Protein backbone atom coordinates (compact mmCIF):
# COMPACT_ATOMS: atom_id res chain seq x y z
CA MET A 1 -2.39 -19.21 95.02
CA ILE A 2 0.77 -18.89 97.11
CA GLU A 3 0.72 -20.84 100.36
CA GLN A 4 1.40 -19.26 103.75
CA SER A 5 3.40 -22.29 104.93
CA GLY A 6 6.78 -20.99 103.81
CA THR A 7 7.14 -23.25 100.78
CA PHE A 8 7.41 -20.31 98.41
CA PHE A 9 8.42 -17.47 100.75
CA ARG A 10 10.54 -17.03 103.86
CA LYS A 11 11.38 -14.22 106.23
CA THR A 12 14.89 -12.79 106.42
CA VAL A 13 16.60 -11.51 109.56
CA GLY A 14 15.15 -8.04 108.91
CA ASN A 15 11.64 -9.57 108.76
CA ILE A 16 11.46 -9.06 104.99
CA THR A 17 9.57 -11.58 102.87
CA VAL A 18 11.67 -13.10 100.08
CA PRO A 19 11.20 -16.07 97.74
CA THR A 20 12.74 -19.35 98.94
CA TRP A 21 15.42 -21.22 97.01
CA LYS A 22 12.69 -23.63 95.86
CA THR A 23 10.79 -20.77 94.27
CA LYS A 24 13.92 -19.51 92.55
CA LEU A 25 14.59 -23.03 91.26
CA LEU A 26 11.03 -23.37 89.92
CA VAL A 27 11.16 -20.00 88.18
CA TRP A 28 14.63 -20.17 86.65
CA MET A 29 15.10 -23.92 85.96
CA MET A 30 13.62 -24.02 82.42
CA PRO A 31 15.54 -21.08 80.96
CA ALA A 32 18.75 -22.28 82.61
CA MET A 33 18.38 -25.80 81.23
CA PHE A 34 17.57 -24.61 77.71
CA LEU A 35 20.45 -22.14 77.86
CA ALA A 36 22.86 -24.90 78.92
CA VAL A 37 21.70 -27.22 76.12
CA ALA A 38 21.86 -24.41 73.53
CA LEU A 39 25.38 -23.46 74.58
CA MET A 40 26.40 -27.11 74.46
CA PHE A 41 25.10 -27.46 70.88
CA LEU A 42 26.64 -24.16 69.77
CA LEU A 43 30.01 -24.89 71.37
CA SER A 44 30.06 -28.40 69.93
CA SER A 45 29.29 -27.08 66.44
CA PHE A 46 31.82 -24.28 66.80
CA MET A 47 34.56 -26.72 67.81
CA TRP A 48 33.65 -29.08 64.95
CA VAL A 49 33.74 -26.29 62.37
CA LEU A 50 36.97 -24.91 63.87
CA ASN A 51 38.71 -28.29 63.44
CA ALA A 52 37.09 -29.14 60.08
CA THR A 53 38.68 -28.75 56.68
CA GLU A 54 36.73 -27.18 53.83
CA THR A 55 36.88 -28.82 50.43
CA THR A 56 34.81 -29.53 47.35
CA GLY A 57 32.92 -32.80 47.39
CA THR A 58 31.58 -34.59 44.32
CA VAL A 59 28.20 -36.31 44.61
CA THR A 60 28.70 -40.03 43.89
CA ASP A 61 25.32 -41.34 44.99
CA VAL A 62 21.97 -40.01 46.18
CA TYR A 63 19.86 -42.23 48.43
CA GLU A 64 16.13 -41.64 48.36
CA TRP A 65 13.21 -42.85 50.43
CA ALA A 66 9.66 -41.85 51.27
CA ALA A 67 9.46 -39.43 54.18
CA ASP A 68 6.61 -41.05 56.06
CA GLU A 69 3.51 -43.10 55.38
CA THR A 70 1.38 -40.33 56.92
CA VAL A 71 2.57 -37.75 54.38
CA GLU A 72 -0.09 -37.61 51.68
CA ASN A 73 1.82 -35.66 49.03
CA GLY A 74 4.42 -38.38 48.47
CA LEU A 75 7.36 -36.38 49.84
CA VAL A 76 10.68 -38.00 48.97
CA LEU A 77 13.83 -37.39 51.01
CA TYR A 78 17.30 -37.48 49.51
CA GLY A 79 20.64 -38.13 51.17
CA PRO A 80 23.71 -37.43 49.05
CA GLU A 81 27.04 -39.23 49.38
CA PHE A 82 30.16 -37.21 48.58
CA GLU A 83 33.62 -38.17 47.41
CA TYR A 84 36.42 -35.85 48.47
CA VAL A 85 40.17 -35.76 48.89
CA TRP A 86 41.24 -36.78 52.40
CA THR A 87 44.12 -35.08 54.24
CA ASP A 88 46.56 -37.79 53.08
CA GLY A 89 45.55 -37.30 49.41
CA SER A 90 43.36 -40.39 49.06
CA LEU A 91 39.76 -40.26 47.83
CA THR A 92 37.23 -40.83 50.59
CA LYS A 93 33.44 -41.08 50.61
CA GLY A 94 31.20 -39.59 53.24
CA ALA A 95 27.53 -38.85 53.78
CA LEU A 96 25.88 -35.97 55.58
CA GLY A 97 23.73 -38.09 57.85
CA LEU A 98 20.88 -35.76 56.89
CA SER A 99 18.06 -36.09 54.41
CA SER A 100 15.95 -33.44 52.76
CA PRO A 101 13.78 -32.99 49.70
CA ASP A 102 16.28 -30.28 48.67
CA TYR A 103 19.26 -32.65 48.54
CA ASN A 104 18.36 -34.26 45.20
CA PHE A 105 21.70 -33.34 43.63
CA GLU A 106 22.85 -34.62 40.26
CA ILE A 107 25.51 -37.32 40.34
CA GLY A 108 28.82 -35.63 39.60
CA SER A 109 27.77 -32.20 40.87
CA GLN A 110 30.21 -30.49 43.22
CA HIS A 111 29.44 -28.77 46.52
CA ARG A 112 31.41 -27.06 49.29
CA ILE A 113 31.62 -29.38 52.29
CA LEU A 114 33.45 -29.56 55.58
CA PHE A 115 35.07 -32.79 56.70
CA ASP A 116 36.52 -33.93 59.97
CA PRO A 117 40.24 -34.60 59.41
CA GLU A 118 40.22 -37.12 62.29
CA VAL A 119 37.26 -39.27 61.17
CA LYS A 120 36.80 -40.44 57.60
CA GLY A 121 33.30 -40.09 56.22
CA ASN A 122 32.17 -37.39 58.65
CA VAL A 123 31.04 -34.47 56.45
CA ARG A 124 28.76 -31.45 56.73
CA PHE A 125 27.75 -28.60 54.51
CA SER A 126 29.41 -25.34 55.40
CA GLY A 127 27.22 -22.47 56.50
CA PHE A 128 25.24 -21.18 59.44
CA MET A 129 22.06 -23.14 58.77
CA PHE A 130 23.79 -26.51 58.71
CA ASN A 131 26.03 -25.96 61.72
CA TYR A 132 24.43 -23.49 64.12
CA LEU A 133 20.69 -23.42 63.40
CA LEU A 134 19.64 -26.02 66.00
CA GLY A 135 21.65 -24.34 68.77
CA THR A 136 20.23 -20.96 67.81
CA ILE A 137 16.66 -22.27 67.89
CA ILE A 138 17.19 -23.76 71.34
CA LEU A 139 18.80 -20.49 72.45
CA SER A 140 15.68 -18.65 71.25
CA VAL A 141 13.50 -21.00 73.30
CA ALA A 142 15.74 -20.30 76.30
CA ALA A 143 15.28 -16.55 75.75
CA MET A 144 11.51 -17.01 75.56
CA PHE A 145 11.48 -18.99 78.82
CA GLY A 146 13.82 -16.38 80.30
CA LEU A 147 11.36 -13.58 79.53
CA ILE A 148 8.49 -15.60 80.97
CA SER A 149 10.56 -16.32 84.09
CA LEU A 150 11.50 -12.66 84.42
CA VAL A 151 7.84 -11.61 84.36
CA LEU A 152 7.00 -14.39 86.82
CA TRP A 153 9.89 -13.33 89.06
CA PHE A 154 8.69 -9.71 89.21
CA TRP A 155 5.18 -10.97 89.98
CA ILE A 156 6.49 -13.15 92.83
CA LYS A 157 8.57 -10.27 94.20
CA SER A 158 5.50 -8.01 94.13
CA ILE A 159 3.54 -10.63 96.10
CA ALA A 160 6.31 -10.68 98.70
CA ARG A 161 6.33 -6.88 98.86
CA LYS A 162 2.52 -6.78 99.27
CA ARG A 163 2.75 -9.29 102.13
CA ASP A 164 5.26 -7.05 103.91
CA GLU A 165 3.05 -3.99 103.37
CA LYS A 166 0.03 -5.89 104.67
CA GLU A 167 1.92 -7.00 107.80
CA ALA A 168 3.16 -3.43 108.39
CA GLN A 169 -0.44 -2.18 108.44
CA ILE A 170 -1.44 -4.68 111.15
């Protein structure tokens, strides 16, 4: 339960009980940290996509490997390598840096990709899922922690209010 020592609550000049800065930090730290990380991921992806150039990449090679020794169904992951025309007109190869069972593309197939015009070989698929999904998931976790913190905050404020009512009756 809440201690009487002043760790979680303090009295203001008007003799009103309020949560201390430590309590506020404990309640709001998790949602604030997740929000900051989510915004960092989303902003980073947004800036990357904003500076990227969209083109068609041709699959030149598909790397494959077993997902994990603990996977019993023999799941195989694939990582395609694309060839595309660089900004200066030369052909360049680049890989996604991702692997998935869904990336088993045929050699010679063409796909829409984004590439970084400043770094050769740095490619991504275009689309929300490939660029913004991680940031959105972390933002959802931040929202969940925010709701939990909001409920906790109202509970803490009600404890402070009950303390003031109890002291007023004495």
